[in-house]
Amino acid sequence: MNRYTILFKSLLTVLFISAAWIIGAQTKKPVHQWEGTTYLSDQQTTQGEVSVKKFLELIAGPIYVKDNRDNKICPVNSFSITFGERGLYEDEAGKPMIVTDYITRRCTDKVDTGMLKELRFRAKPGDTAYIEYVMFRNEHFKDKFSKEAQPIKIILTQ
């Protein structure tokens, strides 16, 4: 074989591998399927706008999940709550600006007392609460591992 044949075969091989890699890189990742729907302690509120008073009542109780497999309500094992408090601050030049302060806490089935005190002190209309990484086990299916439920976003109103 002469060197042009070897060069041509090498170039063809590199082009084939590059094309295969490009096609593989462009395939879409599957959309995350949540195993359940998350509810606050009233077992009805999943997301949206909630008054500050109602939010403080609901967040004091346990968080629940409705399992998609059998539509049964299950208590959660753990979740993460992030509370975004909007506040008016001044920058170095003295210009006012609205900035969001975030508080995050990892909880078991309900918010711990320290975080609950913070929420009672800080919560006001316009703030946002995110409940994420909600993990649960359905005893009916004898799950060995926790499953993740859909996160929720609560916007506080009057």
Foldseek 3Di string as FASTA:
>chain_A
DDPVVVVVVVVVVVVVVVVVVVVVVPDDDDDDDAQWQKDFQVRPDRAEEDALVVVLVRQQDFIWTQGPVPRDIFFWQKKKKKKWFWDWDADPVRDIDIDTDIDMDIGGRGDDPVVSVVSVVGDDAQMKMKIAQTWHDDVVVPDPGTGGHDIYMYGHHD
